[in-house]
Amino acid sequence: MMPKRDTVQLAYLYFIPKPHKVGTPLRPIVSSMNMPTTGISKFLDKIIRPIFDKHARSTTIIDGVDLIHRLEAYTTNGYLKPKTYLCTFDITDLYTMLPQEQSLDILIEFLAQHGYQKVQNIPIDIIRKLAIIVIKENVFV
């Protein structure tokens, strides 16, 4: 989980235009592949992802392809009716809108709710401390 001094760099922010929207707004992208907290983030994902997939994956849409597969299954199972309503929404700035402390609390609550005091012998208070580093020490140029 230690950053490699020869490859570590700050994440950087860039923007991609959305030409299909009125006024061509910009979509902010944060590229963070070599930031100092990447190792911790990858480690947390490796140990928590299987728990998330086990308990919440069935009710979570990951991306557009997953959405299409879910809609196909929805149709195949006969749930799509002429009166079914679908809606979409656009999140303009999720990165700065997530309350950090609340996000950490939700992570710990999720683990506790599913009976985890430890994940792979790591106490959940240590998982919280590692997550704090990833969330609060993430900076970009």
N, C-alpha and C. Protein backbone atom coordinates (compact mmCIF):
# COMPACT_ATOMS: atom_id res chain seq x y z
N MET A 1 0.81 -1.20 0.00
CA MET A 1 0.00 0.00 0.00
C MET A 1 0.85 1.26 0.00
N MET A 2 2.15 1.11 0.10
CA MET A 2 3.02 2.28 0.12
C MET A 2 3.16 2.86 -1.29
N PRO A 3 3.10 4.18 -1.40
CA PRO A 3 3.30 4.80 -2.72
C PRO A 3 4.72 4.58 -3.21
N LYS A 4 4.88 4.42 -4.51
CA LYS A 4 6.21 4.26 -5.11
C LYS A 4 6.70 5.65 -5.51
N ARG A 5 7.78 6.07 -4.90
CA ARG A 5 8.28 7.44 -5.10
C ARG A 5 8.58 7.77 -6.57
N ASP A 6 8.99 6.78 -7.34
CA ASP A 6 9.37 7.07 -8.73
C ASP A 6 8.17 7.18 -9.67
N THR A 7 7.00 6.71 -9.24
CA THR A 7 5.83 6.78 -10.13
C THR A 7 4.67 7.58 -9.56
N VAL A 8 4.71 7.92 -8.29
CA VAL A 8 3.59 8.62 -7.66
C VAL A 8 3.44 10.03 -8.23
N GLN A 9 2.20 10.44 -8.42
CA GLN A 9 1.93 11.80 -8.86
C GLN A 9 0.53 12.19 -8.39
N LEU A 10 0.32 13.48 -8.29
CA LEU A 10 -1.01 13.94 -7.92
C LEU A 10 -1.99 13.58 -9.02
N ALA A 11 -3.20 13.31 -8.61
CA ALA A 11 -4.26 13.10 -9.60
C ALA A 11 -4.44 14.42 -10.34
N TYR A 12 -4.98 14.36 -11.55
CA TYR A 12 -5.21 15.61 -12.25
C TYR A 12 -6.64 15.66 -12.76
N LEU A 13 -7.12 16.88 -12.84
CA LEU A 13 -8.48 17.15 -13.25
C LEU A 13 -8.49 17.64 -14.68
N TYR A 14 -9.34 17.05 -15.50
CA TYR A 14 -9.53 17.55 -16.86
C TYR A 14 -11.01 17.45 -17.19
N PHE A 15 -11.40 18.00 -18.31
CA PHE A 15 -12.81 18.09 -18.67
C PHE A 15 -13.05 17.58 -20.08
N ILE A 16 -14.17 16.89 -20.26
CA ILE A 16 -14.60 16.42 -21.57
C ILE A 16 -15.93 17.11 -21.89
N PRO A 17 -16.02 17.73 -23.08
CA PRO A 17 -17.29 18.41 -23.41
C PRO A 17 -18.42 17.41 -23.64
N LYS A 18 -19.64 17.86 -23.31
CA LYS A 18 -20.85 17.08 -23.56
C LYS A 18 -21.59 17.77 -24.71
N PRO A 19 -21.23 17.46 -25.96
CA PRO A 19 -21.81 18.19 -27.09
C PRO A 19 -23.30 17.95 -27.28
N HIS A 20 -23.85 16.89 -26.70
CA HIS A 20 -25.27 16.60 -26.84
C HIS A 20 -26.13 17.43 -25.89
N LYS A 21 -25.51 18.18 -24.99
CA LYS A 21 -26.26 19.00 -24.04
C LYS A 21 -26.25 20.46 -24.48
N VAL A 22 -27.30 21.17 -24.11
CA VAL A 22 -27.42 22.59 -24.44
C VAL A 22 -26.27 23.35 -23.79
N GLY A 23 -25.60 24.17 -24.55
CA GLY A 23 -24.50 24.97 -24.03
C GLY A 23 -23.19 24.22 -23.93
N THR A 24 -23.16 22.96 -24.32
CA THR A 24 -21.97 22.10 -24.27
C THR A 24 -21.25 22.21 -22.93
N PRO A 25 -21.91 21.75 -21.85
CA PRO A 25 -21.22 21.76 -20.55
C PRO A 25 -20.05 20.78 -20.54
N LEU A 26 -19.22 20.89 -19.53
CA LEU A 26 -18.05 20.03 -19.42
C LEU A 26 -18.26 18.97 -18.34
N ARG A 27 -17.80 17.76 -18.62
CA ARG A 27 -17.84 16.68 -17.64
C ARG A 27 -16.47 16.63 -16.96
N PRO A 28 -16.42 16.85 -15.64
CA PRO A 28 -15.13 16.78 -14.96
C PRO A 28 -14.67 15.33 -14.78
N ILE A 29 -13.41 15.08 -15.05
CA ILE A 29 -12.81 13.76 -14.89
C ILE A 29 -11.58 13.93 -14.00
N VAL A 30 -11.46 13.09 -12.98
CA VAL A 30 -10.27 13.09 -12.14
C VAL A 30 -9.50 11.81 -12.44
N SER A 31 -8.32 11.95 -13.00
CA SER A 31 -7.46 10.81 -13.29
C SER A 31 -6.54 10.60 -12.09
N SER A 32 -6.67 9.43 -11.46
CA SER A 32 -5.97 9.23 -10.19
C SER A 32 -5.21 7.92 -10.14
N MET A 33 -4.72 7.45 -11.27
CA MET A 33 -4.10 6.13 -11.31
C MET A 33 -2.81 6.03 -10.49
N ASN A 34 -2.06 7.09 -10.39
CA ASN A 34 -0.77 7.02 -9.68
C ASN A 34 -0.72 7.91 -8.45
N MET A 35 -1.87 8.25 -7.90
CA MET A 35 -1.84 9.12 -6.73
C MET A 35 -1.36 8.35 -5.49
N PRO A 36 -0.92 9.06 -4.48
CA PRO A 36 -0.36 8.39 -3.31
C PRO A 36 -1.31 7.43 -2.59
N THR A 37 -2.63 7.66 -2.69
CA THR A 37 -3.58 6.80 -1.98
C THR A 37 -4.13 5.65 -2.83
N THR A 38 -3.65 5.49 -4.06
CA THR A 38 -4.17 4.46 -4.95
C THR A 38 -4.00 3.06 -4.36
N GLY A 39 -2.88 2.77 -3.77
CA GLY A 39 -2.64 1.45 -3.19
C GLY A 39 -3.64 1.12 -2.09
N ILE A 40 -3.91 2.09 -1.22
CA ILE A 40 -4.88 1.87 -0.15
C ILE A 40 -6.27 1.67 -0.75
N SER A 41 -6.61 2.49 -1.73
CA SER A 41 -7.91 2.38 -2.38
C SER A 41 -8.09 1.01 -3.03
N LYS A 42 -7.10 0.55 -3.74
CA LYS A 42 -7.18 -0.77 -4.39
C LYS A 42 -7.29 -1.89 -3.35
N PHE A 43 -6.55 -1.75 -2.26
CA PHE A 43 -6.61 -2.74 -1.19
C PHE A 43 -8.02 -2.80 -0.59
N LEU A 44 -8.59 -1.63 -0.28
CA LEU A 44 -9.94 -1.60 0.29
C LEU A 44 -10.95 -2.20 -0.69
N ASP A 45 -10.81 -1.87 -1.96
CA ASP A 45 -11.72 -2.42 -2.96
C ASP A 45 -11.60 -3.95 -3.01
N LYS A 46 -10.39 -4.44 -2.93
CA LYS A 46 -10.16 -5.89 -3.00
C LYS A 46 -10.83 -6.63 -1.84
N ILE A 47 -10.81 -6.04 -0.64
CA ILE A 47 -11.39 -6.76 0.50
C ILE A 47 -12.88 -6.46 0.70
N ILE A 48 -13.34 -5.28 0.26
CA ILE A 48 -14.75 -4.92 0.49
C ILE A 48 -15.63 -5.29 -0.70
N ARG A 49 -15.12 -5.24 -1.91
CA ARG A 49 -15.92 -5.53 -3.12
C ARG A 49 -16.66 -6.86 -3.02
N PRO A 50 -16.01 -7.97 -2.59
CA PRO A 50 -16.75 -9.23 -2.50
C PRO A 50 -17.93 -9.16 -1.53
N ILE A 51 -17.79 -8.40 -0.46
CA ILE A 51 -18.88 -8.24 0.50
C ILE A 51 -20.02 -7.45 -0.13
N PHE A 52 -19.66 -6.36 -0.81
CA PHE A 52 -20.66 -5.56 -1.50
C PHE A 52 -21.39 -6.40 -2.54
N ASP A 53 -20.63 -7.14 -3.36
CA ASP A 53 -21.25 -7.95 -4.40
C ASP A 53 -22.19 -9.00 -3.81
N LYS A 54 -21.82 -9.57 -2.69
CA LYS A 54 -22.64 -10.59 -2.05
C LYS A 54 -23.96 -10.01 -1.54
N HIS A 55 -23.91 -8.81 -0.95
CA HIS A 55 -25.08 -8.28 -0.26
C HIS A 55 -25.85 -7.20 -1.02
N ALA A 56 -25.22 -6.53 -1.99
CA ALA A 56 -25.90 -5.39 -2.62
C ALA A 56 -25.86 -5.39 -4.15
N ARG A 57 -25.11 -6.27 -4.75
CA ARG A 57 -24.95 -6.23 -6.21
C ARG A 57 -26.27 -6.40 -6.94
N SER A 58 -27.17 -7.22 -6.41
CA SER A 58 -28.42 -7.49 -7.11
C SER A 58 -29.31 -6.25 -7.22
N THR A 59 -29.08 -5.25 -6.40
CA THR A 59 -29.90 -4.04 -6.43
C THR A 59 -29.10 -2.82 -6.91
N THR A 60 -27.94 -3.06 -7.50
CA THR A 60 -27.08 -1.97 -7.92
C THR A 60 -26.82 -2.05 -9.43
N ILE A 61 -26.93 -0.91 -10.10
CA ILE A 61 -26.60 -0.84 -11.53
C ILE A 61 -25.21 -0.22 -11.63
N ILE A 62 -24.28 -0.93 -12.24
CA ILE A 62 -22.89 -0.52 -12.28
C ILE A 62 -22.60 0.47 -13.40
N ASP A 63 -23.14 0.21 -14.59
CA ASP A 63 -22.86 1.08 -15.75
C ASP A 63 -23.96 0.89 -16.78
N GLY A 64 -23.80 1.52 -17.93
CA GLY A 64 -24.81 1.45 -18.98
C GLY A 64 -25.06 0.05 -19.49
N VAL A 65 -24.01 -0.74 -19.65
CA VAL A 65 -24.16 -2.12 -20.14
C VAL A 65 -24.96 -2.93 -19.12
N ASP A 66 -24.64 -2.76 -17.85
CA ASP A 66 -25.37 -3.46 -16.80
C ASP A 66 -26.84 -3.06 -16.81
N LEU A 67 -27.12 -1.77 -17.04
CA LEU A 67 -28.50 -1.30 -17.12
C LEU A 67 -29.25 -2.01 -18.24
N ILE A 68 -28.62 -2.12 -19.41
CA ILE A 68 -29.26 -2.80 -20.55
C ILE A 68 -29.56 -4.26 -20.19
N HIS A 69 -28.62 -4.93 -19.57
CA HIS A 69 -28.84 -6.33 -19.17
C HIS A 69 -29.98 -6.43 -18.16
N ARG A 70 -30.03 -5.50 -17.22
CA ARG A 70 -31.12 -5.50 -16.23
C ARG A 70 -32.47 -5.27 -16.89
N LEU A 71 -32.53 -4.34 -17.85
CA LEU A 71 -33.78 -4.07 -18.55
C LEU A 71 -34.21 -5.27 -19.39
N GLU A 72 -33.24 -5.96 -20.00
CA GLU A 72 -33.58 -7.17 -20.76
C GLU A 72 -34.19 -8.23 -19.84
N ALA A 73 -33.58 -8.43 -18.68
CA ALA A 73 -34.11 -9.40 -17.71
C ALA A 73 -35.48 -8.95 -17.20
N TYR A 74 -35.63 -7.67 -16.98
CA TYR A 74 -36.90 -7.09 -16.53
C TYR A 74 -38.00 -7.39 -17.55
N THR A 75 -37.66 -7.23 -18.83
CA THR A 75 -38.61 -7.50 -19.91
C THR A 75 -38.90 -8.99 -20.00
N THR A 76 -37.86 -9.82 -19.96
CA THR A 76 -38.01 -11.27 -20.05
C THR A 76 -38.90 -11.80 -18.93
N ASN A 77 -38.78 -11.23 -17.75
CA ASN A 77 -39.57 -11.68 -16.60
C ASN A 77 -40.98 -11.10 -16.59
N GLY A 78 -41.31 -10.31 -17.61
CA GLY A 78 -42.66 -9.79 -17.73
C GLY A 78 -42.98 -8.59 -16.86
N TYR A 79 -41.95 -7.92 -16.32
CA TYR A 79 -42.19 -6.78 -15.45
C TYR A 79 -42.38 -5.47 -16.21
N LEU A 80 -41.90 -5.42 -17.44
CA LEU A 80 -42.03 -4.19 -18.23
C LEU A 80 -43.44 -4.12 -18.82
N LYS A 81 -44.21 -3.17 -18.35
CA LYS A 81 -45.61 -3.00 -18.75
C LYS A 81 -45.76 -1.69 -19.51
N PRO A 82 -46.85 -1.53 -20.28
CA PRO A 82 -47.07 -0.26 -20.99
C PRO A 82 -47.10 0.95 -20.05
N LYS A 83 -47.46 0.75 -18.81
CA LYS A 83 -47.54 1.87 -17.86
C LYS A 83 -46.30 1.99 -16.97
N THR A 84 -45.23 1.25 -17.28
CA THR A 84 -43.99 1.34 -16.52
C THR A 84 -43.33 2.69 -16.80
N TYR A 85 -42.96 3.38 -15.75
CA TYR A 85 -42.26 4.66 -15.89
C TYR A 85 -40.77 4.46 -15.68
N LEU A 86 -39.98 5.05 -16.55
CA LEU A 86 -38.53 5.07 -16.39
C LEU A 86 -38.11 6.53 -16.32
N CYS A 87 -37.14 6.81 -15.51
CA CYS A 87 -36.64 8.19 -15.44
C CYS A 87 -35.11 8.15 -15.40
N THR A 88 -34.51 9.25 -15.79
CA THR A 88 -33.06 9.39 -15.71
C THR A 88 -32.77 10.70 -15.01
N PHE A 89 -31.58 10.82 -14.50
CA PHE A 89 -31.15 12.07 -13.90
C PHE A 89 -29.66 12.22 -14.11
N ASP A 90 -29.21 13.43 -14.06
CA ASP A 90 -27.80 13.73 -14.30
C ASP A 90 -27.22 14.33 -13.03
N ILE A 91 -26.22 13.67 -12.48
CA ILE A 91 -25.53 14.18 -11.31
C ILE A 91 -24.45 15.11 -11.81
N THR A 92 -24.48 16.36 -11.38
CA THR A 92 -23.55 17.33 -11.94
C THR A 92 -22.18 17.32 -11.26
N ASP A 93 -22.11 16.97 -10.00
CA ASP A 93 -20.82 17.02 -9.31
C ASP A 93 -20.83 16.12 -8.09
N LEU A 94 -20.86 14.82 -8.32
CA LEU A 94 -20.94 13.86 -7.23
C LEU A 94 -19.70 13.92 -6.33
N TYR A 95 -18.55 14.17 -6.92
CA TYR A 95 -17.30 14.14 -6.16
C TYR A 95 -17.33 15.09 -4.96
N THR A 96 -17.76 16.31 -5.19
CA THR A 96 -17.77 17.29 -4.10
C THR A 96 -19.06 17.25 -3.29
N MET A 97 -20.05 16.50 -3.75
CA MET A 97 -21.33 16.48 -3.06
C MET A 97 -21.43 15.36 -2.02
N LEU A 98 -20.56 14.38 -2.07
CA LEU A 98 -20.63 13.30 -1.10
C LEU A 98 -20.14 13.79 0.26
N PRO A 99 -21.00 13.73 1.27
CA PRO A 99 -20.53 14.11 2.61
C PRO A 99 -19.52 13.06 3.10
N GLN A 100 -18.31 13.48 3.37
CA GLN A 100 -17.24 12.54 3.67
C GLN A 100 -17.51 11.72 4.93
N GLU A 101 -17.83 12.38 6.03
CA GLU A 101 -18.07 11.65 7.28
C GLU A 101 -19.25 10.70 7.15
N GLN A 102 -20.30 11.15 6.50
CA GLN A 102 -21.47 10.31 6.31
C GLN A 102 -21.13 9.10 5.44
N SER A 103 -20.31 9.29 4.43
CA SER A 103 -19.90 8.18 3.57
C SER A 103 -19.13 7.13 4.37
N LEU A 104 -18.25 7.59 5.24
CA LEU A 104 -17.50 6.68 6.10
C LEU A 104 -18.43 5.94 7.05
N ASP A 105 -19.39 6.66 7.62
CA ASP A 105 -20.36 6.04 8.53
C ASP A 105 -21.18 4.96 7.80
N ILE A 106 -21.57 5.26 6.57
CA ILE A 106 -22.36 4.31 5.78
C ILE A 106 -21.54 3.05 5.50
N LEU A 107 -20.27 3.21 5.19
CA LEU A 107 -19.40 2.04 4.96
C LEU A 107 -19.37 1.15 6.19
N ILE A 108 -19.12 1.75 7.35
CA ILE A 108 -19.02 0.97 8.58
C ILE A 108 -20.38 0.35 8.94
N GLU A 109 -21.45 1.11 8.75
CA GLU A 109 -22.80 0.60 9.03
C GLU A 109 -23.13 -0.58 8.12
N PHE A 110 -22.74 -0.48 6.85
CA PHE A 110 -22.97 -1.58 5.90
C PHE A 110 -22.26 -2.85 6.38
N LEU A 111 -20.99 -2.72 6.77
CA LEU A 111 -20.24 -3.89 7.24
C LEU A 111 -20.85 -4.46 8.51
N ALA A 112 -21.18 -3.59 9.46
CA ALA A 112 -21.76 -4.05 10.72
C ALA A 112 -23.13 -4.69 10.51
N GLN A 113 -23.93 -4.10 9.63
CA GLN A 113 -25.27 -4.62 9.35
C GLN A 113 -25.21 -6.05 8.82
N HIS A 114 -24.14 -6.37 8.12
CA HIS A 114 -23.99 -7.72 7.57
C HIS A 114 -23.10 -8.61 8.44
N GLY A 115 -22.89 -8.17 9.68
CA GLY A 115 -22.23 -9.02 10.67
C GLY A 115 -20.72 -9.02 10.66
N TYR A 116 -20.10 -8.03 10.04
CA TYR A 116 -18.64 -7.99 9.97
C TYR A 116 -18.08 -7.09 11.06
N GLN A 117 -17.29 -7.66 11.95
CA GLN A 117 -16.50 -6.88 12.90
C GLN A 117 -15.09 -6.72 12.37
N LYS A 118 -14.71 -7.68 11.51
CA LYS A 118 -13.42 -7.68 10.84
C LYS A 118 -13.64 -8.13 9.40
N VAL A 119 -12.76 -7.68 8.52
CA VAL A 119 -12.76 -8.16 7.14
C VAL A 119 -11.35 -8.66 6.88
N GLN A 120 -11.24 -9.95 6.60
CA GLN A 120 -9.93 -10.59 6.43
C GLN A 120 -9.00 -10.24 7.60
N ASN A 121 -9.51 -10.37 8.80
CA ASN A 121 -8.78 -10.11 10.06
C ASN A 121 -8.42 -8.65 10.28
N ILE A 122 -8.99 -7.76 9.52
CA ILE A 122 -8.74 -6.33 9.72
C ILE A 122 -9.98 -5.74 10.39
N PRO A 123 -9.84 -5.20 11.60
CA PRO A 123 -11.00 -4.62 12.31
C PRO A 123 -11.61 -3.48 11.50
N ILE A 124 -12.92 -3.31 11.61
CA ILE A 124 -13.58 -2.30 10.79
C ILE A 124 -13.17 -0.88 11.18
N ASP A 125 -12.68 -0.67 12.41
CA ASP A 125 -12.20 0.68 12.74
C ASP A 125 -10.91 1.00 11.96
N ILE A 126 -10.10 -0.02 11.68
CA ILE A 126 -8.90 0.18 10.86
C ILE A 126 -9.32 0.42 9.40
N ILE A 127 -10.33 -0.30 8.94
CA ILE A 127 -10.84 -0.08 7.58
C ILE A 127 -11.33 1.36 7.45
N ARG A 128 -12.01 1.85 8.48
CA ARG A 128 -12.48 3.24 8.46
C ARG A 128 -11.29 4.22 8.38
N LYS A 129 -10.25 3.95 9.16
CA LYS A 129 -9.07 4.83 9.15
C LYS A 129 -8.40 4.83 7.78
N LEU A 130 -8.33 3.68 7.14
CA LEU A 130 -7.76 3.61 5.79
C LEU A 130 -8.64 4.36 4.79
N ALA A 131 -9.95 4.20 4.94
CA ALA A 131 -10.89 4.90 4.05
C ALA A 131 -10.79 6.42 4.25
N ILE A 132 -10.56 6.86 5.48
CA ILE A 132 -10.38 8.29 5.76
C ILE A 132 -9.20 8.83 4.96
N ILE A 133 -8.12 8.08 4.92
CA ILE A 133 -6.94 8.52 4.16
C ILE A 133 -7.31 8.68 2.68
N VAL A 134 -8.00 7.70 2.12
CA VAL A 134 -8.37 7.76 0.71
C VAL A 134 -9.31 8.94 0.43
N ILE A 135 -10.30 9.12 1.28
CA ILE A 135 -11.31 10.16 1.03
C ILE A 135 -10.79 11.56 1.34
N LYS A 136 -10.11 11.71 2.45
CA LYS A 136 -9.74 13.06 2.89
C LYS A 136 -8.38 13.55 2.38
N GLU A 137 -7.52 12.63 2.00
CA GLU A 137 -6.20 13.04 1.54
C GLU A 137 -6.08 12.99 0.02
N ASN A 138 -7.19 12.85 -0.66
CA ASN A 138 -7.20 12.80 -2.12
C ASN A 138 -7.19 14.23 -2.64
N VAL A 139 -6.13 14.60 -3.34
CA VAL A 139 -6.01 15.94 -3.91
C VAL A 139 -5.66 15.80 -5.39
N PHE A 140 -5.90 16.87 -6.14
CA PHE A 140 -5.57 16.84 -7.56
C PHE A 140 -5.14 18.22 -8.02
N VAL A 141 -4.48 18.26 -9.18
CA VAL A 141 -4.04 19.52 -9.78
C VAL A 141 -4.83 19.77 -11.04
